[in-house]
Amino acid sequence: MFIKLFVVLLVLLVMGIVVFQFVLPIFRGNSSSKDAALTYWGLWESDATMQTIIDDFQKENPTITVNYEKRDIDKYRQTLQTRIQNGDGPDVFLYHNSWTPVVTNLLSPISSEVMDPQEFENVYYPVVVEDLTVEGAIYGIPMGIDTVALFVNDSIFEETGANMPSTWEDFTNVSAGITVKDGENRIQTYGAGFGAYDNVNRAAELLSLLFLQNRVNLTSPQETEGSMVEAIRFYTDFVTGRDNIEAVWNTSAPNSLISFAGGNVGMYFGYSWDIFVIKELNPELKFSVHSVPKLQNDLTVASYWVNGISSNSRYPEAAQKFLSYLAKKETQEKLYTETSKVRLFGLPPARRDMADMVRDNPYVYPFVAQAETAKSTFFVSDTYDEGLNDQMDAYLGNAIRSVLGNTSVESATETLISGMEEVLAQYGVN
């Protein structure tokens, strides 16, 4: 009797476990083993804007919840690295394209179901493919792309009859022609915010632009030291007035972006985001955006942020699904539309097949039009990474200050290259 009772109880126990595991979830609506709560770290877009994208995703994927956190850029890279390594970081997060060598160990490759390599190459610009493909694996999806472009004060150009420069020789002549000096040779109207470091916004990218166009190898600079010397000499001549180049800028001028917004600079180099600052400071300024001047080629510098999946995510399958959704053209079109409701325009699209969407926008298309031939650099402003970018920029800034302080270009370049090689080795970049 006891044995029979034991058997009955055992059977009831097993049946209870079966009911709990397989029947109960039906009444709950979905299986707890399939539920996922993703944490998504962003930097620039508001909670409200991103929620419109997330809501659509969650409707299609009711077992996945996405919690968006808009983070502060200050110490973002360090916090990201520490939290992911400690196991309490985000599942999906933004990172800068130049950080790829530094954060690859924090990332999971995206699956071929999200996007296979051939599709990735067809959809995105070459710089994106080059930056985000490591040993055949793809490590992220960008939602936009920015490039360094030439901003022109249309009023100054109209008043002086200046033509748009297409080469650096043109730029040299035009910047000299629109510079206004008083009787004591003090600059009253600056031809261009160009030639110094501390008061030239985007100086790191400007020098990178010259390096790239002059075929400097930024990961093995010793191989092209002579080309780097030429680029630094050319750049600083616009302050020193050497080598038959007119001084059109000086180290005592206000910040070049602020000066351009104030209408006191003929030409400025910057990203699309700088337009928001200009419009806020001087809504009435007449200016236009154009491709950068050319030397041996028409390269410019690309800067953009990428969505990646944490290698330590608790929900890797759900994270892959979410990234697949973010990669869709329809999703990126909606994000552009939503962001354009709260500011002048959204991110310049990173997808080639979205270029026509912004073709008629004079503030966006010039940046997209250059993306096909853009290149990346480790000299990048405003990432606040306290790592690869900031350390490289520090050496570059010291080099320019040295040249403007009468150190020879050759000596300053030699010191710069030594510093670059030290930083590149520190972060395993070759």
Protein backbone atom coordinates (compact mmCIF):
# COMPACT_ATOMS: atom_id res chain seq x y z
CA MET A 1 0.00 0.00 0.00
CA PHE A 2 2.77 2.39 0.93
CA ILE A 3 4.59 1.67 -2.35
CA LYS A 4 1.44 2.31 -4.39
CA LEU A 5 0.87 5.61 -2.59
CA PHE A 6 4.48 6.61 -3.21
CA VAL A 7 4.14 5.85 -6.93
CA VAL A 8 0.93 7.89 -7.17
CA LEU A 9 2.57 10.87 -5.46
CA LEU A 10 5.60 10.60 -7.72
CA VAL A 11 3.39 10.57 -10.82
CA LEU A 12 1.48 13.62 -9.57
CA LEU A 13 4.77 15.42 -8.88
CA VAL A 14 6.06 14.72 -12.39
CA MET A 15 2.74 15.86 -13.89
CA GLY A 16 2.94 19.03 -11.83
CA ILE A 17 6.39 19.80 -13.15
CA VAL A 18 5.19 19.22 -16.72
CA VAL A 19 2.21 21.53 -16.20
CA PHE A 20 4.42 24.20 -14.64
CA GLN A 21 6.98 24.08 -17.43
CA PHE A 22 4.77 23.73 -20.48
CA VAL A 23 1.17 24.60 -19.68
CA LEU A 24 1.53 27.59 -17.37
CA PRO A 25 3.49 29.70 -19.89
CA ILE A 26 0.61 29.36 -22.34
CA PHE A 27 -1.64 31.24 -19.92
CA ARG A 28 1.11 33.81 -19.41
CA GLY A 29 1.20 34.45 -23.17
CA ASN A 30 4.80 33.41 -23.92
CA SER A 31 7.64 31.29 -22.62
CA SER A 32 9.81 32.83 -19.95
CA SER A 33 12.80 31.15 -21.55
CA LYS A 34 12.24 33.28 -24.63
CA ASP A 35 11.64 36.58 -22.84
CA ALA A 36 14.42 39.12 -23.07
CA ALA A 37 14.96 42.59 -21.63
CA LEU A 38 17.63 44.37 -23.65
CA THR A 39 19.49 47.44 -22.46
CA TYR A 40 20.43 49.81 -25.28
CA TRP A 41 22.94 52.62 -24.68
CA GLY A 42 22.80 55.65 -26.96
CA LEU A 43 24.34 59.09 -26.84
CA TRP A 44 22.58 61.62 -29.02
CA GLU A 45 18.91 60.85 -29.58
CA SER A 46 16.25 61.56 -26.98
CA ASP A 47 14.26 58.89 -25.18
CA ALA A 48 11.08 60.03 -26.94
CA THR A 49 12.61 59.78 -30.42
CA MET A 50 14.13 56.37 -29.86
CA GLN A 51 10.95 55.06 -28.25
CA THR A 52 9.08 55.47 -31.53
CA ILE A 53 11.58 53.07 -33.12
CA ILE A 54 11.59 50.71 -30.16
CA ASP A 55 7.79 50.55 -30.00
CA ASP A 56 7.61 49.33 -33.59
CA PHE A 57 10.22 46.67 -32.87
CA GLN A 58 8.42 45.46 -29.76
CA LYS A 59 5.14 45.14 -31.65
CA GLU A 60 6.89 42.74 -34.01
CA ASN A 61 8.74 41.02 -31.17
CA PRO A 62 6.42 40.97 -28.11
CA THR A 63 8.75 38.74 -26.10
CA ILE A 64 11.59 41.30 -26.28
CA THR A 65 11.69 44.51 -24.27
CA VAL A 66 14.21 47.22 -25.15
CA ASN A 67 15.20 49.76 -22.49
CA TYR A 68 16.93 52.76 -24.03
CA GLU A 69 19.38 54.80 -21.97
CA LYS A 70 20.74 58.09 -23.29
CA ARG A 71 24.21 58.24 -21.77
CA ASP A 72 26.59 61.13 -21.15
CA ILE A 73 29.57 61.19 -23.53
CA ASP A 74 31.90 62.10 -20.65
CA LYS A 75 33.82 58.93 -19.69
CA TYR A 76 31.40 56.92 -21.84
CA ARG A 77 34.06 54.64 -23.33
CA GLN A 78 35.59 53.83 -19.95
CA THR A 79 32.18 53.17 -18.36
CA LEU A 80 31.18 51.01 -21.30
CA GLN A 81 34.32 48.90 -21.08
CA THR A 82 34.14 48.48 -17.31
CA ARG A 83 30.44 47.63 -17.20
CA ILE A 84 30.60 45.09 -20.03
CA GLN A 85 33.61 43.37 -18.49
CA ASN A 86 31.80 43.28 -15.12
CA GLY A 87 28.74 41.69 -16.70
CA ASP A 88 26.30 44.54 -16.04
CA GLY A 89 26.72 46.55 -19.21
CA PRO A 90 24.33 47.13 -22.11
CA ASP A 91 23.33 44.48 -24.61
CA VAL A 92 23.47 46.91 -27.54
CA PHE A 93 25.47 50.12 -27.52
CA LEU A 94 26.87 52.95 -29.62
CA TYR A 95 30.58 53.26 -30.26
CA HIS A 96 32.66 55.52 -32.50
CA ASN A 97 33.96 54.10 -35.77
CA SER A 98 37.56 54.92 -34.80
CA TRP A 99 37.21 52.78 -31.66
CA THR A 100 36.77 49.51 -33.55
CA PRO A 101 40.29 48.17 -32.79
CA VAL A 102 39.87 49.11 -29.13
CA VAL A 103 36.41 47.65 -28.50
CA THR A 104 36.41 44.55 -30.72
CA ASN A 105 36.88 42.38 -27.63
CA LEU A 106 33.67 43.89 -26.21
CA LEU A 107 31.66 43.07 -29.33
CA SER A 108 29.93 40.06 -30.82
CA PRO A 109 30.02 39.79 -34.62
CA ILE A 110 26.64 40.36 -36.20
CA SER A 111 25.09 37.24 -37.69
CA SER A 112 24.61 36.66 -41.40
CA GLU A 113 20.86 36.78 -40.71
CA VAL A 114 21.27 40.43 -39.76
CA MET A 115 23.37 41.17 -42.82
CA ASP A 116 25.80 39.04 -44.78
CA PRO A 117 29.15 40.48 -45.95
CA GLN A 118 28.05 40.92 -49.56
CA GLU A 119 24.90 42.80 -48.61
CA PHE A 120 26.90 44.89 -46.14
CA GLU A 121 29.31 45.86 -48.91
CA ASN A 122 26.46 46.74 -51.26
CA VAL A 123 24.46 48.77 -48.75
CA TYR A 124 27.15 50.78 -46.97
CA TYR A 125 29.97 53.05 -48.11
CA PRO A 126 33.49 51.62 -48.44
CA VAL A 127 34.71 53.40 -45.31
CA VAL A 128 32.03 51.65 -43.23
CA VAL A 129 32.92 48.25 -44.67
CA GLU A 130 36.61 48.87 -44.03
CA ASP A 131 36.09 50.14 -40.49
CA LEU A 132 33.63 47.53 -39.24
CA THR A 133 34.88 44.35 -40.90
CA VAL A 134 37.53 42.52 -38.88
CA GLU A 135 38.89 39.22 -40.21
CA GLY A 136 35.76 38.73 -42.29
CA ALA A 137 33.31 39.40 -39.45
CA ILE A 138 31.08 42.48 -39.24
CA TYR A 139 30.97 44.26 -35.88
CA GLY A 140 28.28 46.88 -36.14
CA ILE A 141 25.60 48.80 -37.99
CA PRO A 142 25.76 52.60 -38.36
CA MET A 143 22.60 54.72 -38.37
CA GLY A 144 24.27 57.70 -40.03
CA ILE A 145 27.57 59.02 -41.33
CA ASP A 146 29.26 62.41 -41.20
CA THR A 147 32.13 63.79 -43.25
CA VAL A 148 34.28 66.90 -43.04
CA ALA A 149 32.99 69.49 -45.53
CA LEU A 150 33.77 73.08 -46.49
CA PHE A 151 31.43 75.79 -45.14
CA VAL A 152 31.41 79.07 -47.04
CA ASN A 153 30.16 82.51 -45.96
CA ASP A 154 28.07 83.36 -49.01
CA SER A 155 27.93 87.08 -48.22
CA ILE A 156 31.72 87.39 -48.13
CA PHE A 157 32.06 85.44 -51.36
CA GLU A 158 29.45 87.60 -53.08
CA GLU A 159 31.00 90.85 -51.87
CA THR A 160 34.51 89.87 -52.99
CA GLY A 161 33.54 87.98 -56.14
CA ALA A 162 35.39 84.89 -54.91
CA ASN A 163 34.89 81.56 -56.66
CA MET A 164 34.37 78.27 -54.90
CA PRO A 165 37.75 76.53 -54.41
CA SER A 166 37.99 73.00 -55.78
CA THR A 167 41.72 72.46 -55.17
CA TRP A 168 44.08 73.46 -52.37
CA GLU A 169 45.77 75.90 -54.72
CA ASP A 170 42.37 77.51 -55.25
CA PHE A 171 41.79 77.51 -51.50
CA THR A 172 45.14 79.24 -50.92
CA ASN A 173 44.33 81.98 -53.40
CA VAL A 174 40.71 82.47 -52.36
CA SER A 175 41.46 82.57 -48.63
CA ALA A 176 44.10 85.25 -49.26
CA GLY A 177 41.78 87.22 -51.51
CA ILE A 178 38.95 87.46 -48.98
CA THR A 179 41.17 88.20 -45.94
CA VAL A 180 40.91 91.81 -44.79
CA LYS A 181 43.77 93.45 -42.85
CA ASP A 182 44.15 96.89 -41.32
CA GLY A 183 47.02 99.32 -41.83
CA GLU A 184 49.11 97.50 -39.23
CA ASN A 185 48.60 94.15 -40.98
CA ARG A 186 46.19 92.88 -38.34
CA ILE A 187 43.50 90.58 -39.65
CA GLN A 188 40.00 92.02 -39.49
CA THR A 189 38.20 89.42 -41.59
CA TYR A 190 39.70 85.94 -41.63
CA GLY A 191 39.96 84.14 -44.94
CA ALA A 192 39.65 80.71 -43.29
CA GLY A 193 39.75 79.06 -39.88
CA PHE A 194 42.84 77.09 -40.80
CA GLY A 195 46.45 76.67 -39.71
CA ALA A 196 46.47 76.53 -35.90
CA TYR A 197 45.28 73.90 -33.42
CA ASP A 198 43.74 75.25 -30.23
CA ASN A 199 41.38 77.76 -31.83
CA VAL A 200 40.57 75.80 -35.00
CA ASN A 201 37.53 73.61 -34.54
CA ARG A 202 38.09 70.13 -36.05
CA ALA A 203 41.84 70.77 -36.36
CA ALA A 204 42.54 67.06 -35.79
CA GLU A 205 40.31 66.09 -38.70
CA LEU A 206 41.64 68.90 -40.90
CA LEU A 207 45.19 67.65 -40.52
CA SER A 208 43.99 64.10 -41.11
CA LEU A 209 42.34 65.32 -44.29
CA LEU A 210 45.64 66.73 -45.52
CA PHE A 211 47.51 63.60 -44.42
CA LEU A 212 45.11 61.30 -46.25
CA GLN A 213 45.08 63.37 -49.40
CA ASN A 214 48.87 63.47 -49.37
CA ARG A 215 48.95 59.66 -48.96
CA VAL A 216 50.28 59.55 -45.39
CA ASN A 217 50.02 56.09 -43.83
CA LEU A 218 48.33 56.82 -40.50
CA THR A 219 49.03 53.38 -39.03
CA SER A 220 52.67 53.25 -40.20
CA PRO A 221 53.58 56.96 -40.31
CA GLN A 222 57.35 56.36 -40.44
CA GLU A 223 56.91 55.02 -43.98
CA THR A 224 55.52 58.34 -45.22
CA GLU A 225 57.28 60.86 -42.97
CA GLY A 226 58.10 63.18 -45.86
CA SER A 227 54.45 63.42 -46.88
CA MET A 228 53.48 64.22 -43.30
CA VAL A 229 56.09 66.99 -43.16
CA GLU A 230 54.65 68.51 -46.34
CA ALA A 231 51.09 68.43 -44.98
CA ILE A 232 52.02 70.03 -41.63
CA ARG A 233 54.09 72.72 -43.33
CA PHE A 234 51.24 73.55 -45.71
CA TYR A 235 48.71 73.71 -42.88
CA THR A 236 50.74 75.95 -40.57
CA ASP A 237 51.75 78.30 -43.41
CA PHE A 238 48.25 79.78 -43.23
CA VAL A 239 49.22 81.21 -39.83
CA THR A 240 52.95 81.82 -40.30
CA GLY A 241 52.67 83.30 -43.79
CA ARG A 242 55.66 81.31 -45.05
CA ASP A 243 56.28 79.61 -48.40
CA ASN A 244 54.43 82.31 -50.39
CA ILE A 245 51.16 81.61 -48.57
CA GLU A 246 49.26 84.57 -47.13
CA ALA A 247 48.53 84.42 -43.39
CA VAL A 248 44.73 84.23 -43.14
CA TRP A 249 44.37 83.08 -39.53
CA ASN A 250 46.22 83.54 -36.22
CA THR A 251 46.48 81.93 -32.83
CA SER A 252 44.74 84.83 -31.07
CA ALA A 253 41.52 84.58 -33.09
CA PRO A 254 38.37 83.32 -31.36
CA ASN A 255 37.35 79.71 -32.01
CA SER A 256 36.87 79.19 -35.74
CA LEU A 257 33.30 77.88 -35.43
CA ILE A 258 32.23 80.81 -33.24
CA SER A 259 34.00 83.25 -35.58
CA PHE A 260 32.37 81.74 -38.66
CA ALA A 261 28.94 81.91 -37.02
CA GLY A 262 29.67 85.55 -36.23
CA GLY A 263 30.23 86.27 -39.93
CA ASN A 264 33.92 87.07 -39.56
CA VAL A 265 35.42 84.05 -41.39
CA GLY A 266 35.13 83.29 -45.08
CA MET A 267 35.64 79.52 -44.91
CA TYR A 268 35.28 76.91 -42.20
CA PHE A 269 35.68 73.12 -42.18
CA GLY A 270 33.31 71.01 -40.13
CA TYR A 271 30.70 68.29 -39.73
CA SER A 272 26.95 68.48 -40.24
CA TRP A 273 26.47 68.86 -36.47
CA ASP A 274 28.24 72.21 -36.59
CA ILE A 275 25.30 73.61 -38.55
CA PHE A 276 23.14 73.43 -35.43
CA VAL A 277 25.64 75.57 -33.53
CA ILE A 278 25.85 78.09 -36.37
CA LYS A 279 22.07 78.34 -36.65
CA GLU A 280 21.68 78.79 -32.92
CA LEU A 281 24.32 81.51 -32.73
CA ASN A 282 23.35 83.36 -35.90
CA PRO A 283 20.12 82.24 -37.61
CA GLU A 284 20.49 84.94 -40.27
CA LEU A 285 23.97 83.94 -41.50
CA LYS A 286 24.07 83.18 -45.21
CA PHE A 287 26.29 80.16 -45.72
CA SER A 288 26.49 77.03 -47.85
CA VAL A 289 28.20 73.63 -47.60
CA HIS A 290 30.52 72.16 -50.25
CA SER A 291 33.00 69.36 -50.88
CA VAL A 292 36.49 69.85 -49.47
CA PRO A 293 39.33 70.95 -51.80
CA LYS A 294 41.33 68.24 -53.53
CA LEU A 295 45.03 67.46 -53.76
CA GLN A 296 46.07 64.11 -55.24
CA ASN A 297 42.59 62.71 -54.61
CA ASP A 298 39.20 63.80 -53.33
CA LEU A 299 39.30 62.05 -49.96
CA THR A 300 37.74 63.50 -46.87
CA VAL A 301 37.38 62.31 -43.27
CA ALA A 302 34.44 60.24 -42.02
CA SER A 303 33.15 60.22 -38.46
CA TYR A 304 30.14 58.24 -37.29
CA TRP A 305 28.71 56.14 -34.46
CA VAL A 306 27.90 52.46 -34.70
CA ASN A 307 25.42 50.12 -33.02
CA GLY A 308 27.19 47.02 -31.73
CA ILE A 309 26.23 43.97 -29.68
CA SER A 310 27.97 43.27 -26.38
CA SER A 311 30.02 40.09 -26.23
CA ASN A 312 28.67 39.71 -22.70
CA SER A 313 24.98 40.15 -23.53
CA ARG A 314 22.59 37.92 -21.59
CA TYR A 315 20.30 37.83 -24.61
CA PRO A 316 22.47 37.47 -27.72
CA GLU A 317 19.68 36.17 -29.97
CA ALA A 318 17.35 39.02 -29.01
CA ALA A 319 20.18 41.53 -29.47
CA GLN A 320 20.82 40.20 -32.97
CA LYS A 321 17.11 40.57 -33.76
CA PHE A 322 17.12 44.16 -32.54
CA LEU A 323 20.22 45.01 -34.56
CA SER A 324 18.61 43.40 -37.61
CA TYR A 325 15.66 45.73 -37.11
CA LEU A 326 17.90 48.80 -36.76
CA ALA A 327 19.69 47.85 -39.98
CA LYS A 328 16.50 47.95 -42.06
CA LYS A 329 16.13 50.77 -44.54
CA GLU A 330 12.60 51.43 -43.30
CA THR A 331 13.82 51.78 -39.72
CA GLN A 332 16.59 54.18 -40.65
CA GLU A 333 14.22 56.23 -42.80
CA LYS A 334 11.81 56.50 -39.90
CA LEU A 335 14.57 57.52 -37.50
CA TYR A 336 15.67 60.25 -39.93
CA THR A 337 12.08 61.48 -40.20
CA GLU A 338 11.53 61.43 -36.44
CA THR A 339 14.75 63.28 -35.65
CA SER A 340 13.94 65.86 -38.32
CA LYS A 341 10.82 66.72 -36.35
CA VAL A 342 12.86 67.92 -33.38
CA ARG A 343 15.81 69.55 -35.18
CA LEU A 344 16.72 70.96 -38.58
CA PHE A 345 17.66 67.54 -39.99
CA GLY A 346 18.50 64.00 -38.93
CA LEU A 347 21.73 62.08 -39.24
CA PRO A 348 23.15 62.08 -42.78
CA PRO A 349 22.24 58.54 -43.92
CA ALA A 350 24.90 55.85 -43.87
CA ARG A 351 23.01 53.66 -46.33
CA ARG A 352 23.74 54.30 -50.00
CA ASP A 353 20.12 53.63 -50.92
CA MET A 354 18.97 56.55 -48.74
CA ALA A 355 21.05 59.21 -50.50
CA ASP A 356 18.13 60.24 -52.73
CA MET A 357 16.06 60.89 -49.61
CA VAL A 358 18.30 63.89 -48.76
CA ARG A 359 19.46 64.89 -52.23
CA ASP A 360 17.47 68.13 -52.18
CA ASN A 361 18.59 69.13 -48.68
CA PRO A 362 21.51 71.60 -49.03
CA TYR A 363 22.51 71.08 -45.41
CA VAL A 364 22.69 67.29 -45.53
CA TYR A 365 23.51 66.06 -49.01
CA PRO A 366 27.02 67.62 -49.27
CA PHE A 367 28.14 65.39 -46.38
CA VAL A 368 26.56 62.29 -47.92
CA ALA A 369 27.95 63.10 -51.38
CA GLN A 370 31.50 62.76 -50.03
CA ALA A 371 30.92 59.48 -48.18
CA GLU A 372 31.84 57.30 -51.15
CA THR A 373 35.49 58.42 -50.94
CA ALA A 374 35.75 59.14 -47.21
CA LYS A 375 38.35 57.57 -44.91
CA SER A 376 38.62 57.13 -41.15
CA THR A 377 41.26 58.53 -38.84
CA PHE A 378 42.32 58.07 -35.22
CA PHE A 379 42.73 61.86 -34.97
CA VAL A 380 39.15 62.66 -34.00
CA SER A 381 37.72 65.53 -31.96
CA ASP A 382 34.95 65.35 -29.37
CA THR A 383 34.80 61.62 -28.64
CA TYR A 384 36.10 62.26 -25.10
CA ASP A 385 37.47 58.73 -25.02
CA GLU A 386 40.53 59.49 -22.84
CA GLY A 387 42.19 56.82 -24.91
CA LEU A 388 43.22 56.30 -28.52
CA ASN A 389 41.63 59.48 -29.92
CA ASP A 390 42.57 61.85 -27.13
CA GLN A 391 46.13 60.56 -26.91
CA MET A 392 46.68 60.81 -30.66
CA ASP A 393 45.15 64.30 -30.73
CA ALA A 394 47.42 65.41 -27.89
CA TYR A 395 50.55 64.51 -29.88
CA LEU A 396 49.15 66.20 -32.97
CA GLY A 397 48.32 69.36 -31.07
CA ASN A 398 51.81 69.50 -29.58
CA ALA A 399 53.32 69.16 -33.04
CA ILE A 400 51.35 72.10 -34.45
CA ARG A 401 52.08 74.30 -31.44
CA SER A 402 55.77 73.46 -31.78
CA VAL A 403 55.85 74.48 -35.43
CA LEU A 404 54.02 77.73 -34.69
CA GLY A 405 56.56 78.28 -31.90
CA ASN A 406 59.42 78.09 -34.43
CA THR A 407 60.38 74.43 -34.01
CA SER A 408 61.28 73.02 -37.41
CA VAL A 409 58.51 71.09 -39.16
CA GLU A 410 60.88 68.14 -39.56
CA SER A 411 61.65 67.95 -35.85
CA ALA A 412 58.02 68.39 -34.81
CA THR A 413 56.94 65.68 -37.24
CA GLU A 414 59.56 63.28 -35.97
CA THR A 415 58.30 63.74 -32.42
CA LEU A 416 54.71 63.34 -33.58
CA ILE A 417 55.47 60.07 -35.36
CA SER A 418 57.23 58.71 -32.29
CA GLY A 419 54.17 59.53 -30.17
CA MET A 420 51.78 58.05 -32.73
CA GLU A 421 53.69 54.79 -32.84
CA GLU A 422 53.66 54.58 -29.06
CA VAL A 423 49.88 55.06 -28.89
CA LEU A 424 49.16 52.69 -31.78
CA ALA A 425 51.27 50.01 -30.11
CA GLN A 426 49.49 50.59 -26.79
CA TYR A 427 46.12 49.84 -28.41
CA GLY A 428 47.34 47.10 -30.71
CA VAL A 429 46.71 49.02 -33.93
CA ASN A 430 48.86 48.18 -36.94
